[in-house]
ModelCIF file with pLDDT and N, C-alpha, C, O atoms, coordinates in Angstrom:
data_MODEL
#
_entry.id   MODEL 
#
_entity.id                         1 
_entity.type                       polymer 
_entity.pdbx_number_of_molecules   1 
#
_entity_poly.entity_id                      1 
_entity_poly.type                           'polypeptide(L)' 
_entity_poly.nstd_linkage                   no 
_entity_poly.nstd_monomer                   no 
_entity_poly.pdbx_seq_one_letter_code       
;(UNK)(UNK)(UNK)(UNK)(UNK)(UNK)(UNK)(UNK)(UNK)(UNK)(UNK)(UNK)(UNK)(UNK)(UNK)(UNK)
(UNK)(UNK)(UNK)(UNK)(UNK)(UNK)(UNK)(UNK)(UNK)(UNK)(UNK)(UNK)(UNK)(UNK)(UNK)(UNK)
(UNK)(UNK)(UNK)(UNK)(UNK)(UNK)(UNK)(UNK)(UNK)(UNK)
;
_entity_poly.pdbx_seq_one_letter_code_can   XXXXXXXXXXXXXXXXXXXXXXXXXXXXXXXXXXXXXXXXXX 
_entity_poly.pdbx_strand_id                 A 
#
loop_
_entity_poly_seq.entity_id 
_entity_poly_seq.num 
_entity_poly_seq.mon_id 
_entity_poly_seq.hetero 
1 1  UNK n 
1 2  UNK n 
1 3  UNK n 
1 4  UNK n 
1 5  UNK n 
1 6  UNK n 
1 7  UNK n 
1 8  UNK n 
1 9  UNK n 
1 10 UNK n 
1 11 UNK n 
1 12 UNK n 
1 13 UNK n 
1 14 UNK n 
1 15 UNK n 
1 16 UNK n 
1 17 UNK n 
1 18 UNK n 
1 19 UNK n 
1 20 UNK n 
1 21 UNK n 
1 22 UNK n 
1 23 UNK n 
1 24 UNK n 
1 25 UNK n 
1 26 UNK n 
1 27 UNK n 
1 28 UNK n 
1 29 UNK n 
1 30 UNK n 
1 31 UNK n 
1 32 UNK n 
1 33 UNK n 
1 34 UNK n 
1 35 UNK n 
1 36 UNK n 
1 37 UNK n 
1 38 UNK n 
1 39 UNK n 
1 40 UNK n 
1 41 UNK n 
1 42 UNK n 
#
_struct_asym.id          A 
_struct_asym.entity_id   1 
#
loop_
_ma_qa_metric.id 
_ma_qa_metric.mode 
_ma_qa_metric.name 
_ma_qa_metric.software_group_id 
_ma_qa_metric.type 
1 global pLDDT . pLDDT 
2 local  pLDDT . pLDDT 
#
_ma_qa_metric_global.metric_id      1 
_ma_qa_metric_global.metric_value   90.67 
_ma_qa_metric_global.model_id       1 
_ma_qa_metric_global.ordinal_id     1 
#
loop_
_ma_qa_metric_local.label_asym_id 
_ma_qa_metric_local.label_comp_id 
_ma_qa_metric_local.label_seq_id 
_ma_qa_metric_local.metric_id 
_ma_qa_metric_local.metric_value 
_ma_qa_metric_local.model_id 
_ma_qa_metric_local.ordinal_id 
A UNK 1  2 93.00 1 1  
A UNK 2  2 94.00 1 2  
A UNK 3  2 94.00 1 3  
A UNK 4  2 93.00 1 4  
A UNK 5  2 93.00 1 5  
A UNK 6  2 93.00 1 6  
A UNK 7  2 92.00 1 7  
A UNK 8  2 89.00 1 8  
A UNK 9  2 90.00 1 9  
A UNK 10 2 87.00 1 10 
A UNK 11 2 87.00 1 11 
A UNK 12 2 85.00 1 12 
A UNK 13 2 88.00 1 13 
A UNK 14 2 92.00 1 14 
A UNK 15 2 93.00 1 15 
A UNK 16 2 94.00 1 16 
A UNK 17 2 94.00 1 17 
A UNK 18 2 95.00 1 18 
A UNK 19 2 94.00 1 19 
A UNK 20 2 94.00 1 20 
A UNK 21 2 95.00 1 21 
A UNK 22 2 95.00 1 22 
A UNK 23 2 95.00 1 23 
A UNK 24 2 95.00 1 24 
A UNK 25 2 94.00 1 25 
A UNK 26 2 95.00 1 26 
A UNK 27 2 94.00 1 27 
A UNK 28 2 95.00 1 28 
A UNK 29 2 94.00 1 29 
A UNK 30 2 92.00 1 30 
A UNK 31 2 92.00 1 31 
A UNK 32 2 88.00 1 32 
A UNK 33 2 84.00 1 33 
A UNK 34 2 79.00 1 34 
A UNK 35 2 73.00 1 35 
A UNK 36 2 75.00 1 36 
A UNK 37 2 80.00 1 37 
A UNK 38 2 88.00 1 38 
A UNK 39 2 92.00 1 39 
A UNK 40 2 92.00 1 40 
A UNK 41 2 93.00 1 41 
A UNK 42 2 94.00 1 42 
#
loop_
_atom_site.group_PDB 
_atom_site.id 
_atom_site.type_symbol 
_atom_site.label_atom_id 
_atom_site.label_alt_id 
_atom_site.label_comp_id 
_atom_site.label_asym_id 
_atom_site.label_entity_id 
_atom_site.label_seq_id 
_atom_site.pdbx_PDB_ins_code 
_atom_site.Cartn_x 
_atom_site.Cartn_y 
_atom_site.Cartn_z 
_atom_site.occupancy 
_atom_site.B_iso_or_equiv 
_atom_site.pdbx_formal_charge 
_atom_site.auth_seq_id 
_atom_site.auth_comp_id 
_atom_site.auth_asym_id 
_atom_site.auth_atom_id 
_atom_site.pdbx_PDB_model_num 
ATOM 1   N N  . UNK A 1 1  ? -3.698 8.182   -7.621  1.00 93.00 ? 1  UNK A N  1 
ATOM 2   C CA . UNK A 1 1  ? -4.210 8.028   -6.167  1.00 93.00 ? 1  UNK A CA 1 
ATOM 3   C C  . UNK A 1 1  ? -3.260 7.187   -5.374  1.00 93.00 ? 1  UNK A C  1 
ATOM 4   O O  . UNK A 1 1  ? -2.745 6.181   -5.862  1.00 93.00 ? 1  UNK A O  1 
ATOM 5   N N  . UNK A 1 2  ? -3.018 7.605   -4.122  1.00 94.00 ? 2  UNK A N  1 
ATOM 6   C CA . UNK A 1 2  ? -2.197 6.754   -3.298  1.00 94.00 ? 2  UNK A CA 1 
ATOM 7   C C  . UNK A 1 2  ? -2.819 6.637   -2.009  1.00 94.00 ? 2  UNK A C  1 
ATOM 8   O O  . UNK A 1 2  ? -3.347 7.578   -1.417  1.00 94.00 ? 2  UNK A O  1 
ATOM 9   N N  . UNK A 1 3  ? -2.731 5.294   -1.534  1.00 94.00 ? 3  UNK A N  1 
ATOM 10  C CA . UNK A 1 3  ? -3.257 5.022   -0.186  1.00 94.00 ? 3  UNK A CA 1 
ATOM 11  C C  . UNK A 1 3  ? -2.145 4.522   0.818   1.00 94.00 ? 3  UNK A C  1 
ATOM 12  O O  . UNK A 1 3  ? -1.134 3.914   0.463   1.00 94.00 ? 3  UNK A O  1 
ATOM 13  N N  . UNK A 1 4  ? -2.424 4.816   1.956   1.00 93.00 ? 4  UNK A N  1 
ATOM 14  C CA . UNK A 1 4  ? -1.372 4.667   2.999   1.00 93.00 ? 4  UNK A CA 1 
ATOM 15  C C  . UNK A 1 4  ? -1.040 3.166   3.146   1.00 93.00 ? 4  UNK A C  1 
ATOM 16  O O  . UNK A 1 4  ? -1.919 2.307   3.213   1.00 93.00 ? 4  UNK A O  1 
ATOM 17  N N  . UNK A 1 5  ? 0.134  2.932   3.188   1.00 93.00 ? 5  UNK A N  1 
ATOM 18  C CA . UNK A 1 5  ? 0.596  1.404   3.314   1.00 93.00 ? 5  UNK A CA 1 
ATOM 19  C C  . UNK A 1 5  ? 1.217  1.225   4.665   1.00 93.00 ? 5  UNK A C  1 
ATOM 20  O O  . UNK A 1 5  ? 1.337  2.164   5.452   1.00 93.00 ? 5  UNK A O  1 
ATOM 21  N N  . UNK A 1 6  ? 1.620  -0.030  4.925   1.00 93.00 ? 6  UNK A N  1 
ATOM 22  C CA . UNK A 1 6  ? 2.276  -0.329  6.259   1.00 93.00 ? 6  UNK A CA 1 
ATOM 23  C C  . UNK A 1 6  ? 3.517  0.461   6.530   1.00 93.00 ? 6  UNK A C  1 
ATOM 24  O O  . UNK A 1 6  ? 3.925  0.599   7.683   1.00 93.00 ? 6  UNK A O  1 
ATOM 25  N N  . UNK A 1 7  ? 4.152  1.001   5.458   1.00 92.00 ? 7  UNK A N  1 
ATOM 26  C CA . UNK A 1 7  ? 5.342  1.805   5.733   1.00 92.00 ? 7  UNK A CA 1 
ATOM 27  C C  . UNK A 1 7  ? 5.120  3.091   6.357   1.00 92.00 ? 7  UNK A C  1 
ATOM 28  O O  . UNK A 1 7  ? 6.052  3.732   6.841   1.00 92.00 ? 7  UNK A O  1 
ATOM 29  N N  . UNK A 1 8  ? 3.731  3.555   6.366   1.00 89.00 ? 8  UNK A N  1 
ATOM 30  C CA . UNK A 1 8  ? 3.573  4.911   6.914   1.00 89.00 ? 8  UNK A CA 1 
ATOM 31  C C  . UNK A 1 8  ? 2.424  4.802   7.893   1.00 89.00 ? 8  UNK A C  1 
ATOM 32  O O  . UNK A 1 8  ? 2.129  5.786   8.572   1.00 89.00 ? 8  UNK A O  1 
ATOM 33  N N  . UNK A 1 9  ? 1.741  3.639   8.011   1.00 90.00 ? 9  UNK A N  1 
ATOM 34  C CA . UNK A 1 9  ? 0.665  3.639   9.055   1.00 90.00 ? 9  UNK A CA 1 
ATOM 35  C C  . UNK A 1 9  ? 1.222  3.138   10.426  1.00 90.00 ? 9  UNK A C  1 
ATOM 36  O O  . UNK A 1 9  ? 2.165  2.359   10.566  1.00 90.00 ? 9  UNK A O  1 
ATOM 37  N N  . UNK A 1 10 ? 0.469  3.724   11.423  1.00 87.00 ? 10 UNK A N  1 
ATOM 38  C CA . UNK A 1 10 ? 0.881  3.501   12.713  1.00 87.00 ? 10 UNK A CA 1 
ATOM 39  C C  . UNK A 1 10 ? 0.608  1.986   13.156  1.00 87.00 ? 10 UNK A C  1 
ATOM 40  O O  . UNK A 1 10 ? -0.043 1.234   12.431  1.00 87.00 ? 10 UNK A O  1 
ATOM 41  N N  . UNK A 1 11 ? 1.101  1.607   14.298  1.00 87.00 ? 11 UNK A N  1 
ATOM 42  C CA . UNK A 1 11 ? 1.035  0.209   14.788  1.00 87.00 ? 11 UNK A CA 1 
ATOM 43  C C  . UNK A 1 11 ? -0.444 -0.325  14.723  1.00 87.00 ? 11 UNK A C  1 
ATOM 44  O O  . UNK A 1 11 ? -0.718 -1.422  14.236  1.00 87.00 ? 11 UNK A O  1 
ATOM 45  N N  . UNK A 1 12 ? -1.359 0.520   15.244  1.00 85.00 ? 12 UNK A N  1 
ATOM 46  C CA . UNK A 1 12 ? -2.715 0.127   15.339  1.00 85.00 ? 12 UNK A CA 1 
ATOM 47  C C  . UNK A 1 12 ? -3.479 -0.007  14.014  1.00 85.00 ? 12 UNK A C  1 
ATOM 48  O O  . UNK A 1 12 ? -4.602 -0.510  13.973  1.00 85.00 ? 12 UNK A O  1 
ATOM 49  N N  . UNK A 1 13 ? -2.854 0.446   12.962  1.00 88.00 ? 13 UNK A N  1 
ATOM 50  C CA . UNK A 1 13 ? -3.558 0.395   11.675  1.00 88.00 ? 13 UNK A CA 1 
ATOM 51  C C  . UNK A 1 13 ? -2.827 -0.462  10.631  1.00 88.00 ? 13 UNK A C  1 
ATOM 52  O O  . UNK A 1 13 ? -3.235 -0.463  9.470   1.00 88.00 ? 13 UNK A O  1 
ATOM 53  N N  . UNK A 1 14 ? -1.767 -1.189  10.998  1.00 92.00 ? 14 UNK A N  1 
ATOM 54  C CA . UNK A 1 14 ? -1.203 -2.028  10.109  1.00 92.00 ? 14 UNK A CA 1 
ATOM 55  C C  . UNK A 1 14 ? -2.157 -3.078  9.428   1.00 92.00 ? 14 UNK A C  1 
ATOM 56  O O  . UNK A 1 14 ? -3.019 -3.701  10.049  1.00 92.00 ? 14 UNK A O  1 
ATOM 57  N N  . UNK A 1 15 ? -1.893 -3.212  8.009   1.00 93.00 ? 15 UNK A N  1 
ATOM 58  C CA . UNK A 1 15 ? -2.734 -4.082  7.192   1.00 93.00 ? 15 UNK A CA 1 
ATOM 59  C C  . UNK A 1 15 ? -2.164 -5.489  7.120   1.00 93.00 ? 15 UNK A C  1 
ATOM 60  O O  . UNK A 1 15 ? -1.001 -5.737  6.798   1.00 93.00 ? 15 UNK A O  1 
ATOM 61  N N  . UNK A 1 16 ? -3.107 -6.411  7.455   1.00 94.00 ? 16 UNK A N  1 
ATOM 62  C CA . UNK A 1 16 ? -2.726 -7.875  7.313   1.00 94.00 ? 16 UNK A CA 1 
ATOM 63  C C  . UNK A 1 16 ? -2.790 -8.308  5.927   1.00 94.00 ? 16 UNK A C  1 
ATOM 64  O O  . UNK A 1 16 ? -3.134 -7.551  5.019   1.00 94.00 ? 16 UNK A O  1 
ATOM 65  N N  . UNK A 1 17 ? -2.455 -9.536  5.760   1.00 94.00 ? 17 UNK A N  1 
ATOM 66  C CA . UNK A 1 17 ? -2.378 -10.140 4.227   1.00 94.00 ? 17 UNK A CA 1 
ATOM 67  C C  . UNK A 1 17 ? -3.794 -10.142 3.674   1.00 94.00 ? 17 UNK A C  1 
ATOM 68  O O  . UNK A 1 17 ? -3.934 -9.754  2.514   1.00 94.00 ? 17 UNK A O  1 
ATOM 69  N N  . UNK A 1 18 ? -4.883 -10.539 4.377   1.00 95.00 ? 18 UNK A N  1 
ATOM 70  C CA . UNK A 1 18 ? -6.205 -10.432 3.798   1.00 95.00 ? 18 UNK A CA 1 
ATOM 71  C C  . UNK A 1 18 ? -6.716 -9.037  3.279   1.00 95.00 ? 18 UNK A C  1 
ATOM 72  O O  . UNK A 1 18 ? -7.414 -8.844  2.284   1.00 95.00 ? 18 UNK A O  1 
ATOM 73  N N  . UNK A 1 19 ? -6.236 -8.133  4.135   1.00 94.00 ? 19 UNK A N  1 
ATOM 74  C CA . UNK A 1 19 ? -6.641 -6.609  3.798   1.00 94.00 ? 19 UNK A CA 1 
ATOM 75  C C  . UNK A 1 19 ? -5.807 -6.252  2.541   1.00 94.00 ? 19 UNK A C  1 
ATOM 76  O O  . UNK A 1 19 ? -6.374 -5.671  1.616   1.00 94.00 ? 19 UNK A O  1 
ATOM 77  N N  . UNK A 1 20 ? -4.481 -6.570  2.454   1.00 94.00 ? 20 UNK A N  1 
ATOM 78  C CA . UNK A 1 20 ? -3.651 -6.353  1.295   1.00 94.00 ? 20 UNK A CA 1 
ATOM 79  C C  . UNK A 1 20 ? -4.298 -7.002  0.099   1.00 94.00 ? 20 UNK A C  1 
ATOM 80  O O  . UNK A 1 20 ? -4.346 -6.375  -0.959  1.00 94.00 ? 20 UNK A O  1 
ATOM 81  N N  . UNK A 1 21 ? -4.788 -8.189  0.196   1.00 95.00 ? 21 UNK A N  1 
ATOM 82  C CA . UNK A 1 21 ? -5.496 -8.825  -0.931  1.00 95.00 ? 21 UNK A CA 1 
ATOM 83  C C  . UNK A 1 21 ? -6.609 -8.091  -1.519  1.00 95.00 ? 21 UNK A C  1 
ATOM 84  O O  . UNK A 1 21 ? -6.821 -7.998  -2.728  1.00 95.00 ? 21 UNK A O  1 
ATOM 85  N N  . UNK A 1 22 ? -7.316 -7.566  -0.572  1.00 95.00 ? 22 UNK A N  1 
ATOM 86  C CA . UNK A 1 22 ? -8.594 -6.729  -0.859  1.00 95.00 ? 22 UNK A CA 1 
ATOM 87  C C  . UNK A 1 22 ? -8.051 -5.489  -1.611  1.00 95.00 ? 22 UNK A C  1 
ATOM 88  O O  . UNK A 1 22 ? -8.663 -5.133  -2.618  1.00 95.00 ? 22 UNK A O  1 
ATOM 89  N N  . UNK A 1 23 ? -7.029 -4.847  -1.238  1.00 95.00 ? 23 UNK A N  1 
ATOM 90  C CA . UNK A 1 23 ? -6.609 -3.774  -1.912  1.00 95.00 ? 23 UNK A CA 1 
ATOM 91  C C  . UNK A 1 23 ? -6.165 -3.971  -3.271  1.00 95.00 ? 23 UNK A C  1 
ATOM 92  O O  . UNK A 1 23 ? -6.371 -3.138  -4.153  1.00 95.00 ? 23 UNK A O  1 
ATOM 93  N N  . UNK A 1 24 ? -5.513 -5.144  -3.465  1.00 95.00 ? 24 UNK A N  1 
ATOM 94  C CA . UNK A 1 24 ? -5.038 -5.541  -4.841  1.00 95.00 ? 24 UNK A CA 1 
ATOM 95  C C  . UNK A 1 24 ? -6.222 -5.830  -5.702  1.00 95.00 ? 24 UNK A C  1 
ATOM 96  O O  . UNK A 1 24 ? -6.197 -5.461  -6.876  1.00 95.00 ? 24 UNK A O  1 
ATOM 97  N N  . UNK A 1 25 ? -7.269 -6.469  -5.212  1.00 94.00 ? 25 UNK A N  1 
ATOM 98  C CA . UNK A 1 25 ? -8.494 -6.754  -5.978  1.00 94.00 ? 25 UNK A CA 1 
ATOM 99  C C  . UNK A 1 25 ? -9.181 -5.439  -6.294  1.00 94.00 ? 25 UNK A C  1 
ATOM 100 O O  . UNK A 1 25 ? -9.887 -5.389  -7.301  1.00 94.00 ? 25 UNK A O  1 
ATOM 101 N N  . UNK A 1 26 ? -9.031 -4.339  -5.500  1.00 95.00 ? 26 UNK A N  1 
ATOM 102 C CA . UNK A 1 26 ? -9.609 -3.070  -5.782  1.00 95.00 ? 26 UNK A CA 1 
ATOM 103 C C  . UNK A 1 26 ? -8.850 -2.459  -6.913  1.00 95.00 ? 26 UNK A C  1 
ATOM 104 O O  . UNK A 1 26 ? -9.357 -1.536  -7.550  1.00 95.00 ? 26 UNK A O  1 
ATOM 105 N N  . UNK A 1 27 ? -7.622 -2.934  -7.210  1.00 94.00 ? 27 UNK A N  1 
ATOM 106 C CA . UNK A 1 27 ? -6.794 -2.239  -8.140  1.00 94.00 ? 27 UNK A CA 1 
ATOM 107 C C  . UNK A 1 27 ? -5.699 -1.435  -7.686  1.00 94.00 ? 27 UNK A C  1 
ATOM 108 O O  . UNK A 1 27 ? -5.121 -0.685  -8.474  1.00 94.00 ? 27 UNK A O  1 
ATOM 109 N N  . UNK A 1 28 ? -5.358 -1.528  -6.458  1.00 95.00 ? 28 UNK A N  1 
ATOM 110 C CA . UNK A 1 28 ? -4.150 -0.781  -5.830  1.00 95.00 ? 28 UNK A CA 1 
ATOM 111 C C  . UNK A 1 28 ? -2.926 -1.652  -6.120  1.00 95.00 ? 28 UNK A C  1 
ATOM 112 O O  . UNK A 1 28 ? -2.923 -2.883  -6.120  1.00 95.00 ? 28 UNK A O  1 
ATOM 113 N N  . UNK A 1 29 ? -1.916 -0.868  -6.360  1.00 94.00 ? 29 UNK A N  1 
ATOM 114 C CA . UNK A 1 29 ? -0.633 -1.483  -6.658  1.00 94.00 ? 29 UNK A CA 1 
ATOM 115 C C  . UNK A 1 29 ? 0.393  -1.386  -5.404  1.00 94.00 ? 29 UNK A C  1 
ATOM 116 O O  . UNK A 1 29 ? 0.301  -0.477  -4.579  1.00 94.00 ? 29 UNK A O  1 
ATOM 117 N N  . UNK A 1 30 ? 1.279  -2.299  -5.342  1.00 92.00 ? 30 UNK A N  1 
ATOM 118 C CA . UNK A 1 30 ? 2.197  -2.216  -4.165  1.00 92.00 ? 30 UNK A CA 1 
ATOM 119 C C  . UNK A 1 30 ? 3.155  -1.009  -4.262  1.00 92.00 ? 30 UNK A C  1 
ATOM 120 O O  . UNK A 1 30 ? 3.414  -0.503  -5.353  1.00 92.00 ? 30 UNK A O  1 
ATOM 121 N N  . UNK A 1 31 ? 3.658  -0.573  -3.143  1.00 92.00 ? 31 UNK A N  1 
ATOM 122 C CA . UNK A 1 31 ? 4.719  0.442   -3.163  1.00 92.00 ? 31 UNK A CA 1 
ATOM 123 C C  . UNK A 1 31 ? 5.897  0.023   -3.997  1.00 92.00 ? 31 UNK A C  1 
ATOM 124 O O  . UNK A 1 31 ? 6.250  -1.151  -4.105  1.00 92.00 ? 31 UNK A O  1 
ATOM 125 N N  . UNK A 1 32 ? 6.525  1.106   -4.616  1.00 88.00 ? 32 UNK A N  1 
ATOM 126 C CA . UNK A 1 32 ? 7.547  0.878   -5.554  1.00 88.00 ? 32 UNK A CA 1 
ATOM 127 C C  . UNK A 1 32 ? 8.552  1.852   -5.492  1.00 88.00 ? 32 UNK A C  1 
ATOM 128 O O  . UNK A 1 32 ? 8.279  3.001   -5.146  1.00 88.00 ? 32 UNK A O  1 
ATOM 129 N N  . UNK A 1 33 ? 9.841  1.460   -5.833  1.00 84.00 ? 33 UNK A N  1 
ATOM 130 C CA . UNK A 1 33 ? 10.943 2.453   -5.848  1.00 84.00 ? 33 UNK A CA 1 
ATOM 131 C C  . UNK A 1 33 ? 11.267 2.763   -7.306  1.00 84.00 ? 33 UNK A C  1 
ATOM 132 O O  . UNK A 1 33 ? 12.159 3.580   -7.535  1.00 84.00 ? 33 UNK A O  1 
ATOM 133 N N  . UNK A 1 34 ? 10.634 2.194   -8.280  1.00 79.00 ? 34 UNK A N  1 
ATOM 134 C CA . UNK A 1 34 ? 10.971 2.364   -9.703  1.00 79.00 ? 34 UNK A CA 1 
ATOM 135 C C  . UNK A 1 34 ? 9.966  3.247   -10.346 1.00 79.00 ? 34 UNK A C  1 
ATOM 136 O O  . UNK A 1 34 ? 8.932  3.615   -9.790  1.00 79.00 ? 34 UNK A O  1 
ATOM 137 N N  . UNK A 1 35 ? 10.352 3.585   -11.622 1.00 73.00 ? 35 UNK A N  1 
ATOM 138 C CA . UNK A 1 35 ? 9.347  4.419   -12.417 1.00 73.00 ? 35 UNK A CA 1 
ATOM 139 C C  . UNK A 1 35 ? 9.583  5.906   -12.090 1.00 73.00 ? 35 UNK A C  1 
ATOM 140 O O  . UNK A 1 35 ? 10.525 6.294   -11.400 1.00 73.00 ? 35 UNK A O  1 
ATOM 141 N N  . UNK A 1 36 ? 8.623  6.731   -12.658 1.00 75.00 ? 36 UNK A N  1 
ATOM 142 C CA . UNK A 1 36 ? 8.713  8.206   -12.591 1.00 75.00 ? 36 UNK A CA 1 
ATOM 143 C C  . UNK A 1 36 ? 8.108  8.607   -11.244 1.00 75.00 ? 36 UNK A C  1 
ATOM 144 O O  . UNK A 1 36 ? 8.273  9.766   -10.864 1.00 75.00 ? 36 UNK A O  1 
ATOM 145 N N  . UNK A 1 37 ? 7.464  7.795   -10.541 1.00 80.00 ? 37 UNK A N  1 
ATOM 146 C CA . UNK A 1 37 ? 6.688  8.189   -9.346  1.00 80.00 ? 37 UNK A CA 1 
ATOM 147 C C  . UNK A 1 37 ? 6.961  7.146   -8.159  1.00 80.00 ? 37 UNK A C  1 
ATOM 148 O O  . UNK A 1 37 ? 6.001  6.550   -7.671  1.00 80.00 ? 37 UNK A O  1 
ATOM 149 N N  . UNK A 1 38 ? 8.240  6.925   -7.700  1.00 88.00 ? 38 UNK A N  1 
ATOM 150 C CA . UNK A 1 38 ? 8.355  6.130   -6.565  1.00 88.00 ? 38 UNK A CA 1 
ATOM 151 C C  . UNK A 1 38 ? 7.674  6.498   -5.342  1.00 88.00 ? 38 UNK A C  1 
ATOM 152 O O  . UNK A 1 38 ? 7.641  7.668   -4.962  1.00 88.00 ? 38 UNK A O  1 
ATOM 153 N N  . UNK A 1 39 ? 7.088  5.472   -4.658  1.00 92.00 ? 39 UNK A N  1 
ATOM 154 C CA . UNK A 1 39 ? 6.237  5.825   -3.449  1.00 92.00 ? 39 UNK A CA 1 
ATOM 155 C C  . UNK A 1 39 ? 6.414  4.785   -2.530  1.00 92.00 ? 39 UNK A C  1 
ATOM 156 O O  . UNK A 1 39 ? 6.738  3.670   -2.938  1.00 92.00 ? 39 UNK A O  1 
ATOM 157 N N  . UNK A 1 40 ? 6.220  5.038   -1.189  1.00 92.00 ? 40 UNK A N  1 
ATOM 158 C CA . UNK A 1 40 ? 6.028  4.124   -0.176  1.00 92.00 ? 40 UNK A CA 1 
ATOM 159 C C  . UNK A 1 40 ? 4.657  3.699   0.044   1.00 92.00 ? 40 UNK A C  1 
ATOM 160 O O  . UNK A 1 40 ? 4.437  2.861   0.918   1.00 92.00 ? 40 UNK A O  1 
ATOM 161 N N  . UNK A 1 41 ? 3.632  4.221   -0.709  1.00 93.00 ? 41 UNK A N  1 
ATOM 162 C CA . UNK A 1 41 ? 2.322  3.973   -0.501  1.00 93.00 ? 41 UNK A CA 1 
ATOM 163 C C  . UNK A 1 41 ? 1.671  2.969   -1.673  1.00 93.00 ? 41 UNK A C  1 
ATOM 164 O O  . UNK A 1 41 ? 2.213  2.809   -2.766  1.00 93.00 ? 41 UNK A O  1 
ATOM 165 N N  . UNK A 1 42 ? 0.668  2.445   -1.352  1.00 94.00 ? 42 UNK A N  1 
ATOM 166 C CA . UNK A 1 42 ? -0.167 1.793   -2.462  1.00 94.00 ? 42 UNK A CA 1 
ATOM 167 C C  . UNK A 1 42 ? -0.656 2.758   -3.422  1.00 94.00 ? 42 UNK A C  1 
ATOM 168 O O  . UNK A 1 42 ? -1.343 2.388   -4.373  1.00 94.00 ? 42 UNK A O  1 
#
């Protein structure tokens, strides 16, 4: 599963630190350029 990150979200939908913390607690990982599936999304 991939969820839109600040790299792809419009200005009105940018996520702040508190929202990113919630995403992390839910189990979402930060965007990555490594591994078999690099992605700009959570």
